[in-house]
Amino acid sequence: MRVRSKVRSRVGKLRVGRLRVVRLKVRNPRFCNRGFTLIEMLVVISIIMVLLAIAVPNYTHNVLLAKEAKLHQNLTTLNKVIQEYSLDKKKAPQSLDDLVTAGYIKFIPDDITGSNTTWQTDPEAQDADNTAWDPNQPGIGSVHSGSNETSSDGQPYSSWTH
């Protein structure tokens, strides 16, 4: 007795009666996830390097401008507080710590150098009668930066008064 097979094999296809099943070609797993080619990686790295070459100088310039703006603000605040202290107490502060202990500021802000100990103090200016608030104890009239560096506009930070 001869058995007739209902399944006939063709390349890539199986037939079972009227139902048609398509056999998927299975790839070798070694080649399925190959990753990126060397050229693709070089192109991506080159694009990233070009973007960094544009962004880093802009970033460092903006950081410098932010530090200078902070210095301007700190100078303005300190000089304003020194004036307020002098007007309220009828004498100039002897040190910047006097401003903190009297409650005019919470802490001495940092200079552009990153330290609060580099501020340079100027003696108080004498009034029209050439007398200080307290001639026996002349105090601080104003402050300026103690940094030797030059600003982005070419002037030394130590020449800034506001």
N, C-alpha and C. Protein backbone atom coordinates (compact mmCIF):
# COMPACT_ATOMS: atom_id res chain seq x y z
N MET A 1 0.82 -1.14 0.00
CA MET A 1 0.00 0.00 0.00
C MET A 1 0.88 1.24 0.00
N ARG A 2 0.48 2.06 -0.81
CA ARG A 2 1.27 3.27 -0.99
C ARG A 2 0.60 4.43 -0.26
N VAL A 3 1.39 5.17 0.60
CA VAL A 3 0.85 6.30 1.36
C VAL A 3 1.21 7.57 0.61
N ARG A 4 0.19 8.29 0.35
CA ARG A 4 0.40 9.54 -0.35
C ARG A 4 0.57 10.67 0.66
N SER A 5 1.61 11.42 0.52
CA SER A 5 1.87 12.52 1.43
C SER A 5 1.09 13.74 1.01
N LYS A 6 0.45 14.38 1.97
CA LYS A 6 -0.28 15.61 1.67
C LYS A 6 0.66 16.81 1.64
N VAL A 7 1.84 16.64 2.15
CA VAL A 7 2.77 17.76 2.25
C VAL A 7 3.79 17.63 1.13
N ARG A 8 3.86 18.61 0.31
CA ARG A 8 4.87 18.64 -0.73
C ARG A 8 5.81 19.79 -0.42
N SER A 9 7.04 19.54 -0.51
CA SER A 9 8.04 20.55 -0.19
C SER A 9 8.45 21.31 -1.43
N ARG A 10 8.42 22.57 -1.32
CA ARG A 10 8.97 23.45 -2.33
C ARG A 10 9.94 24.38 -1.63
N VAL A 11 10.68 25.09 -2.41
CA VAL A 11 11.68 25.97 -1.82
C VAL A 11 10.96 27.10 -1.08
N GLY A 12 11.11 27.12 0.23
CA GLY A 12 10.57 28.19 1.03
C GLY A 12 9.09 28.07 1.34
N LYS A 13 8.37 27.07 0.83
CA LYS A 13 6.93 26.99 1.06
C LYS A 13 6.55 25.57 1.43
N LEU A 14 5.56 25.47 2.26
CA LEU A 14 4.97 24.18 2.61
C LEU A 14 3.50 24.22 2.23
N ARG A 15 3.01 23.09 1.76
CA ARG A 15 1.58 23.03 1.44
C ARG A 15 0.94 21.92 2.25
N VAL A 16 -0.09 22.28 2.94
CA VAL A 16 -0.87 21.29 3.65
C VAL A 16 -2.28 21.45 3.15
N GLY A 17 -2.70 20.58 2.32
CA GLY A 17 -4.03 20.71 1.74
C GLY A 17 -4.16 22.02 1.02
N ARG A 18 -5.17 22.76 1.39
CA ARG A 18 -5.38 24.07 0.80
C ARG A 18 -4.68 25.18 1.59
N LEU A 19 -4.25 24.89 2.76
CA LEU A 19 -3.60 25.87 3.60
C LEU A 19 -2.16 26.08 3.14
N ARG A 20 -1.81 27.29 3.02
CA ARG A 20 -0.46 27.61 2.54
C ARG A 20 0.33 28.25 3.68
N VAL A 21 1.43 27.70 4.05
CA VAL A 21 2.27 28.19 5.13
C VAL A 21 3.59 28.64 4.52
N VAL A 22 3.97 29.84 4.87
CA VAL A 22 5.23 30.38 4.36
C VAL A 22 6.29 30.19 5.44
N ARG A 23 7.36 29.57 5.06
CA ARG A 23 8.45 29.33 6.00
C ARG A 23 9.35 30.56 6.01
N LEU A 24 9.59 31.07 7.21
CA LEU A 24 10.48 32.22 7.36
C LEU A 24 11.92 31.75 7.34
N LYS A 25 12.73 32.55 6.67
CA LYS A 25 14.13 32.21 6.66
C LYS A 25 14.75 32.69 7.97
N VAL A 26 15.40 31.82 8.62
CA VAL A 26 16.03 32.13 9.90
C VAL A 26 17.48 32.50 9.62
N ARG A 27 17.85 33.68 10.12
CA ARG A 27 19.23 34.13 9.93
C ARG A 27 20.13 33.50 10.98
N ASN A 28 21.34 33.50 10.65
CA ASN A 28 22.34 33.00 11.57
C ASN A 28 22.44 34.01 12.73
N PRO A 29 22.31 33.61 13.98
CA PRO A 29 22.32 34.55 15.10
C PRO A 29 23.63 35.33 15.23
N ARG A 30 24.70 34.84 14.67
CA ARG A 30 25.96 35.57 14.74
C ARG A 30 25.89 36.87 13.94
N PHE A 31 25.13 36.90 12.89
CA PHE A 31 25.07 38.07 12.02
C PHE A 31 23.82 38.91 12.23
N CYS A 32 22.94 38.51 13.12
CA CYS A 32 21.67 39.21 13.32
C CYS A 32 21.89 40.58 13.96
N ASN A 33 22.68 40.68 15.00
CA ASN A 33 22.93 41.94 15.70
C ASN A 33 24.40 42.31 15.54
N ARG A 34 24.74 42.77 14.40
CA ARG A 34 26.14 43.04 14.11
C ARG A 34 26.60 44.36 14.69
N GLY A 35 25.73 45.33 14.95
CA GLY A 35 26.14 46.63 15.47
C GLY A 35 26.42 47.61 14.36
N PHE A 36 27.22 48.62 14.67
CA PHE A 36 27.52 49.67 13.72
C PHE A 36 28.86 49.40 13.03
N THR A 37 28.96 49.91 11.83
CA THR A 37 30.23 49.77 11.13
C THR A 37 31.19 50.85 11.61
N LEU A 38 32.43 50.69 11.29
CA LEU A 38 33.45 51.64 11.70
C LEU A 38 33.20 53.01 11.09
N ILE A 39 32.77 53.07 9.87
CA ILE A 39 32.49 54.34 9.20
C ILE A 39 31.34 55.07 9.90
N GLU A 40 30.31 54.35 10.25
CA GLU A 40 29.18 54.97 10.96
C GLU A 40 29.63 55.55 12.30
N MET A 41 30.45 54.82 13.01
CA MET A 41 30.94 55.32 14.29
C MET A 41 31.82 56.56 14.11
N LEU A 42 32.66 56.57 13.09
CA LEU A 42 33.51 57.73 12.84
C LEU A 42 32.70 58.96 12.47
N VAL A 43 31.64 58.78 11.70
CA VAL A 43 30.78 59.90 11.32
C VAL A 43 30.11 60.49 12.56
N VAL A 44 29.58 59.64 13.41
CA VAL A 44 28.89 60.11 14.62
C VAL A 44 29.87 60.82 15.56
N ILE A 45 31.04 60.26 15.74
CA ILE A 45 32.04 60.88 16.62
C ILE A 45 32.49 62.22 16.04
N SER A 46 32.64 62.30 14.72
CA SER A 46 33.03 63.57 14.09
C SER A 46 31.97 64.64 14.29
N ILE A 47 30.72 64.28 14.17
CA ILE A 47 29.63 65.24 14.37
C ILE A 47 29.63 65.73 15.82
N ILE A 48 29.83 64.82 16.76
CA ILE A 48 29.86 65.21 18.18
C ILE A 48 31.03 66.15 18.45
N MET A 49 32.18 65.87 17.85
CA MET A 49 33.35 66.73 18.05
C MET A 49 33.13 68.13 17.48
N VAL A 50 32.48 68.24 16.35
CA VAL A 50 32.19 69.55 15.77
C VAL A 50 31.25 70.34 16.68
N LEU A 51 30.23 69.68 17.19
CA LEU A 51 29.29 70.35 18.09
C LEU A 51 29.99 70.80 19.38
N LEU A 52 30.88 69.98 19.91
CA LEU A 52 31.62 70.37 21.11
C LEU A 52 32.57 71.54 20.83
N ALA A 53 33.16 71.55 19.65
CA ALA A 53 34.07 72.65 19.31
C ALA A 53 33.32 73.98 19.24
N ILE A 54 32.06 73.94 18.95
CA ILE A 54 31.24 75.16 18.90
C ILE A 54 30.74 75.52 20.30
N ALA A 55 30.33 74.52 21.07
CA ALA A 55 29.65 74.77 22.35
C ALA A 55 30.60 75.15 23.48
N VAL A 56 31.77 74.52 23.57
CA VAL A 56 32.66 74.74 24.72
C VAL A 56 33.14 76.19 24.83
N PRO A 57 33.60 76.84 23.77
CA PRO A 57 34.00 78.25 23.93
C PRO A 57 32.85 79.16 24.36
N ASN A 58 31.66 78.92 23.84
CA ASN A 58 30.50 79.71 24.26
C ASN A 58 30.20 79.49 25.74
N TYR A 59 30.32 78.27 26.18
CA TYR A 59 30.05 77.95 27.57
C TYR A 59 31.06 78.64 28.50
N THR A 60 32.35 78.54 28.18
CA THR A 60 33.35 79.15 29.05
C THR A 60 33.23 80.67 29.07
N HIS A 61 32.87 81.27 27.94
CA HIS A 61 32.68 82.73 27.91
C HIS A 61 31.49 83.13 28.78
N ASN A 62 30.41 82.37 28.73
CA ASN A 62 29.24 82.68 29.54
C ASN A 62 29.50 82.46 31.02
N VAL A 63 30.33 81.50 31.36
CA VAL A 63 30.70 81.30 32.77
C VAL A 63 31.48 82.51 33.27
N LEU A 64 32.41 83.02 32.45
CA LEU A 64 33.18 84.21 32.83
C LEU A 64 32.27 85.42 33.01
N LEU A 65 31.31 85.60 32.09
CA LEU A 65 30.38 86.72 32.22
C LEU A 65 29.52 86.60 33.49
N ALA A 66 29.16 85.38 33.84
CA ALA A 66 28.37 85.18 35.06
C ALA A 66 29.19 85.51 36.31
N LYS A 67 30.48 85.13 36.31
CA LYS A 67 31.34 85.47 37.45
C LYS A 67 31.51 86.98 37.57
N GLU A 68 31.65 87.66 36.45
CA GLU A 68 31.80 89.11 36.48
C GLU A 68 30.52 89.79 36.95
N ALA A 69 29.37 89.28 36.54
CA ALA A 69 28.11 89.83 37.00
C ALA A 69 27.95 89.63 38.51
N LYS A 70 28.39 88.47 39.00
CA LYS A 70 28.32 88.21 40.43
C LYS A 70 29.25 89.15 41.20
N LEU A 71 30.43 89.42 40.63
CA LEU A 71 31.35 90.37 41.27
C LEU A 71 30.74 91.76 41.34
N HIS A 72 30.12 92.21 40.25
CA HIS A 72 29.44 93.52 40.26
C HIS A 72 28.38 93.57 41.36
N GLN A 73 27.59 92.52 41.45
CA GLN A 73 26.53 92.48 42.46
C GLN A 73 27.11 92.49 43.87
N ASN A 74 28.16 91.70 44.10
CA ASN A 74 28.78 91.66 45.43
C ASN A 74 29.42 92.99 45.81
N LEU A 75 30.07 93.64 44.85
CA LEU A 75 30.66 94.96 45.13
C LEU A 75 29.58 95.98 45.48
N THR A 76 28.51 95.98 44.70
CA THR A 76 27.41 96.91 44.96
C THR A 76 26.81 96.66 46.33
N THR A 77 26.59 95.40 46.66
CA THR A 77 25.99 95.06 47.95
C THR A 77 26.90 95.48 49.10
N LEU A 78 28.17 95.12 49.02
CA LEU A 78 29.09 95.46 50.12
C LEU A 78 29.22 96.96 50.31
N ASN A 79 29.40 97.70 49.23
CA ASN A 79 29.56 99.15 49.36
C ASN A 79 28.28 99.82 49.87
N LYS A 80 27.13 99.30 49.45
CA LYS A 80 25.85 99.84 49.94
C LYS A 80 25.70 99.56 51.44
N VAL A 81 26.05 98.36 51.86
CA VAL A 81 25.93 97.99 53.27
C VAL A 81 26.91 98.79 54.12
N ILE A 82 28.09 99.06 53.60
CA ILE A 82 29.07 99.88 54.34
C ILE A 82 28.51 101.29 54.56
N GLN A 83 27.88 101.85 53.53
CA GLN A 83 27.26 103.18 53.67
C GLN A 83 26.14 103.16 54.69
N GLU A 84 25.27 102.14 54.61
CA GLU A 84 24.15 102.05 55.56
C GLU A 84 24.66 101.92 56.99
N TYR A 85 25.68 101.08 57.19
CA TYR A 85 26.26 100.90 58.52
C TYR A 85 26.80 102.24 59.03
N SER A 86 27.53 102.93 58.17
CA SER A 86 28.14 104.21 58.59
C SER A 86 27.07 105.25 58.93
N LEU A 87 26.02 105.31 58.16
CA LEU A 87 24.95 106.28 58.44
C LEU A 87 24.18 105.92 59.70
N ASP A 88 23.93 104.64 59.92
CA ASP A 88 23.17 104.22 61.10
C ASP A 88 23.98 104.36 62.40
N LYS A 89 25.22 103.93 62.37
CA LYS A 89 26.05 103.89 63.58
C LYS A 89 26.86 105.17 63.80
N LYS A 90 26.87 106.05 62.79
CA LYS A 90 27.65 107.28 62.84
C LYS A 90 29.15 107.00 62.98
N LYS A 91 29.55 105.85 62.48
CA LYS A 91 30.97 105.49 62.39
C LYS A 91 31.11 104.41 61.34
N ALA A 92 32.27 104.38 60.73
CA ALA A 92 32.51 103.39 59.68
C ALA A 92 32.88 102.05 60.30
N PRO A 93 32.57 100.94 59.63
CA PRO A 93 32.97 99.63 60.17
C PRO A 93 34.49 99.49 60.15
N GLN A 94 35.02 98.81 61.13
CA GLN A 94 36.47 98.60 61.23
C GLN A 94 36.93 97.42 60.37
N SER A 95 36.02 96.48 60.14
CA SER A 95 36.32 95.32 59.30
C SER A 95 35.02 94.86 58.65
N LEU A 96 35.13 93.99 57.69
CA LEU A 96 33.93 93.47 57.03
C LEU A 96 33.13 92.58 57.97
N ASP A 97 33.80 92.00 58.95
CA ASP A 97 33.10 91.17 59.93
C ASP A 97 32.14 91.99 60.79
N ASP A 98 32.41 93.27 60.96
CA ASP A 98 31.49 94.14 61.71
C ASP A 98 30.12 94.19 61.04
N LEU A 99 30.09 94.11 59.71
CA LEU A 99 28.82 94.14 58.98
C LEU A 99 27.99 92.89 59.28
N VAL A 100 28.69 91.76 59.45
CA VAL A 100 27.99 90.50 59.75
C VAL A 100 27.50 90.50 61.18
N THR A 101 28.34 90.90 62.11
CA THR A 101 27.95 90.87 63.53
C THR A 101 26.83 91.87 63.82
N ALA A 102 26.79 92.97 63.08
CA ALA A 102 25.73 93.95 63.29
C ALA A 102 24.43 93.54 62.57
N GLY A 103 24.47 92.52 61.75
CA GLY A 103 23.26 92.02 61.10
C GLY A 103 22.92 92.70 59.79
N TYR A 104 23.84 93.41 59.21
CA TYR A 104 23.57 94.07 57.94
C TYR A 104 23.63 93.10 56.76
N ILE A 105 24.49 92.11 56.86
CA ILE A 105 24.54 91.01 55.89
C ILE A 105 24.71 89.71 56.65
N LYS A 106 24.30 88.60 56.03
CA LYS A 106 24.40 87.30 56.71
C LYS A 106 25.80 86.73 56.64
N PHE A 107 26.48 86.99 55.54
CA PHE A 107 27.85 86.50 55.37
C PHE A 107 28.57 87.42 54.39
N ILE A 108 29.87 87.36 54.42
CA ILE A 108 30.68 88.15 53.49
C ILE A 108 30.72 87.38 52.17
N PRO A 109 30.27 87.99 51.07
CA PRO A 109 30.25 87.26 49.80
C PRO A 109 31.67 87.02 49.27
N ASP A 110 31.77 86.06 48.37
CA ASP A 110 33.07 85.72 47.78
C ASP A 110 33.47 86.75 46.74
N ASP A 111 34.78 86.97 46.67
CA ASP A 111 35.38 87.78 45.62
C ASP A 111 35.40 86.92 44.35
N ILE A 112 35.83 87.48 43.24
CA ILE A 112 35.89 86.71 41.99
C ILE A 112 36.93 85.60 42.09
N THR A 113 37.82 85.70 43.06
CA THR A 113 38.83 84.66 43.28
C THR A 113 38.22 83.42 43.92
N GLY A 114 37.00 83.53 44.45
CA GLY A 114 36.35 82.40 45.09
C GLY A 114 36.53 82.37 46.60
N SER A 115 37.16 83.40 47.15
CA SER A 115 37.40 83.47 48.58
C SER A 115 36.86 84.80 49.11
N ASN A 116 36.39 84.80 50.35
CA ASN A 116 35.89 86.05 50.92
C ASN A 116 36.97 86.80 51.69
N THR A 117 38.19 86.30 51.66
CA THR A 117 39.28 86.96 52.39
C THR A 117 40.15 87.84 51.49
N THR A 118 39.86 87.89 50.19
CA THR A 118 40.71 88.66 49.28
C THR A 118 40.18 90.06 49.00
N TRP A 119 39.08 90.47 49.64
CA TRP A 119 38.57 91.82 49.43
C TRP A 119 39.59 92.83 49.93
N GLN A 120 39.79 93.89 49.17
CA GLN A 120 40.67 94.99 49.57
C GLN A 120 39.80 96.15 50.05
N THR A 121 40.10 96.65 51.22
CA THR A 121 39.30 97.74 51.77
C THR A 121 40.01 99.07 51.56
N ASP A 122 39.23 100.10 51.33
CA ASP A 122 39.73 101.47 51.20
C ASP A 122 39.29 102.24 52.44
N PRO A 123 40.12 103.12 52.96
CA PRO A 123 39.72 103.90 54.13
C PRO A 123 38.56 104.83 53.79
N GLU A 124 37.81 105.16 54.80
CA GLU A 124 36.65 106.01 54.57
C GLU A 124 37.08 107.39 54.07
N ALA A 125 36.29 107.92 53.19
CA ALA A 125 36.57 109.26 52.64
C ALA A 125 36.19 110.29 53.69
N GLN A 126 36.94 111.31 53.71
CA GLN A 126 36.63 112.37 54.66
C GLN A 126 35.59 113.29 54.05
N ASP A 127 34.78 113.87 54.88
CA ASP A 127 33.72 114.76 54.39
C ASP A 127 34.28 116.14 54.06
N ALA A 128 33.41 117.11 53.87
CA ALA A 128 33.82 118.46 53.46
C ALA A 128 34.72 119.12 54.51
N ASP A 129 34.58 118.73 55.75
CA ASP A 129 35.41 119.31 56.81
C ASP A 129 36.71 118.54 57.01
N ASN A 130 36.98 117.58 56.12
CA ASN A 130 38.16 116.72 56.20
C ASN A 130 38.21 115.93 57.51
N THR A 131 37.07 115.49 57.94
CA THR A 131 37.02 114.63 59.12
C THR A 131 36.28 113.35 58.78
N ALA A 132 36.72 112.29 59.39
CA ALA A 132 36.05 111.01 59.20
C ALA A 132 34.90 110.93 60.20
N TRP A 133 34.09 109.89 60.13
CA TRP A 133 33.00 109.72 61.08
C TRP A 133 33.55 109.77 62.50
N ASP A 134 34.58 109.00 62.71
CA ASP A 134 35.26 109.01 64.01
C ASP A 134 36.75 109.20 63.72
N PRO A 135 37.29 110.41 63.89
CA PRO A 135 38.69 110.66 63.53
C PRO A 135 39.68 109.79 64.31
N ASN A 136 39.28 109.30 65.49
CA ASN A 136 40.17 108.46 66.28
C ASN A 136 40.25 107.03 65.73
N GLN A 137 39.16 106.60 65.09
CA GLN A 137 39.11 105.25 64.52
C GLN A 137 38.56 105.31 63.10
N PRO A 138 39.37 105.71 62.12
CA PRO A 138 38.87 105.70 60.74
C PRO A 138 38.62 104.26 60.30
N GLY A 139 37.52 104.07 59.61
CA GLY A 139 37.13 102.71 59.22
C GLY A 139 37.14 102.50 57.73
N ILE A 140 36.36 101.55 57.31
CA ILE A 140 36.28 101.15 55.90
C ILE A 140 35.30 102.07 55.18
N GLY A 141 35.74 102.62 54.06
CA GLY A 141 34.86 103.47 53.26
C GLY A 141 34.26 102.71 52.09
N SER A 142 35.03 101.81 51.51
CA SER A 142 34.54 101.00 50.39
C SER A 142 35.45 99.79 50.22
N VAL A 143 35.03 98.89 49.35
CA VAL A 143 35.82 97.69 49.05
C VAL A 143 35.99 97.56 47.55
N HIS A 144 37.01 96.82 47.16
CA HIS A 144 37.20 96.43 45.76
C HIS A 144 37.85 95.05 45.75
N SER A 145 37.88 94.44 44.60
CA SER A 145 38.41 93.09 44.47
C SER A 145 39.91 93.07 44.69
N GLY A 146 40.39 91.98 45.22
CA GLY A 146 41.82 91.80 45.42
C GLY A 146 42.45 90.96 44.32
N SER A 147 41.73 90.72 43.26
CA SER A 147 42.22 89.88 42.16
C SER A 147 43.18 90.66 41.26
N ASN A 148 44.21 89.97 40.77
CA ASN A 148 45.16 90.57 39.84
C ASN A 148 44.75 90.38 38.38
N GLU A 149 43.72 89.58 38.15
CA GLU A 149 43.31 89.24 36.79
C GLU A 149 42.62 90.42 36.11
N THR A 150 42.57 90.34 34.78
CA THR A 150 41.86 91.37 34.01
C THR A 150 40.51 90.83 33.59
N SER A 151 39.57 91.74 33.47
CA SER A 151 38.21 91.36 33.10
C SER A 151 38.09 91.21 31.60
N SER A 152 36.90 90.84 31.15
CA SER A 152 36.67 90.64 29.71
C SER A 152 36.70 91.96 28.95
N ASP A 153 36.55 93.09 29.65
CA ASP A 153 36.64 94.39 28.97
C ASP A 153 38.04 94.99 29.05
N GLY A 154 39.01 94.26 29.62
CA GLY A 154 40.40 94.70 29.62
C GLY A 154 40.85 95.42 30.87
N GLN A 155 39.96 95.75 31.77
CA GLN A 155 40.33 96.43 33.01
C GLN A 155 40.60 95.40 34.10
N PRO A 156 41.50 95.70 35.02
CA PRO A 156 41.71 94.77 36.13
C PRO A 156 40.50 94.77 37.07
N TYR A 157 40.21 93.62 37.63
CA TYR A 157 39.07 93.51 38.55
C TYR A 157 39.27 94.42 39.77
N SER A 158 40.50 94.65 40.14
CA SER A 158 40.75 95.48 41.33
C SER A 158 40.37 96.94 41.12
N SER A 159 40.17 97.36 39.85
CA SER A 159 39.77 98.75 39.61
C SER A 159 38.25 98.93 39.67
N TRP A 160 37.51 97.83 39.73
CA TRP A 160 36.05 97.93 39.79
C TRP A 160 35.63 98.40 41.17
N THR A 161 34.72 99.36 41.21
CA THR A 161 34.22 99.84 42.51
C THR A 161 32.74 99.60 42.67
N HIS A 162 32.07 99.17 41.64
CA HIS A 162 30.64 98.88 41.72
C HIS A 162 30.30 97.65 40.94
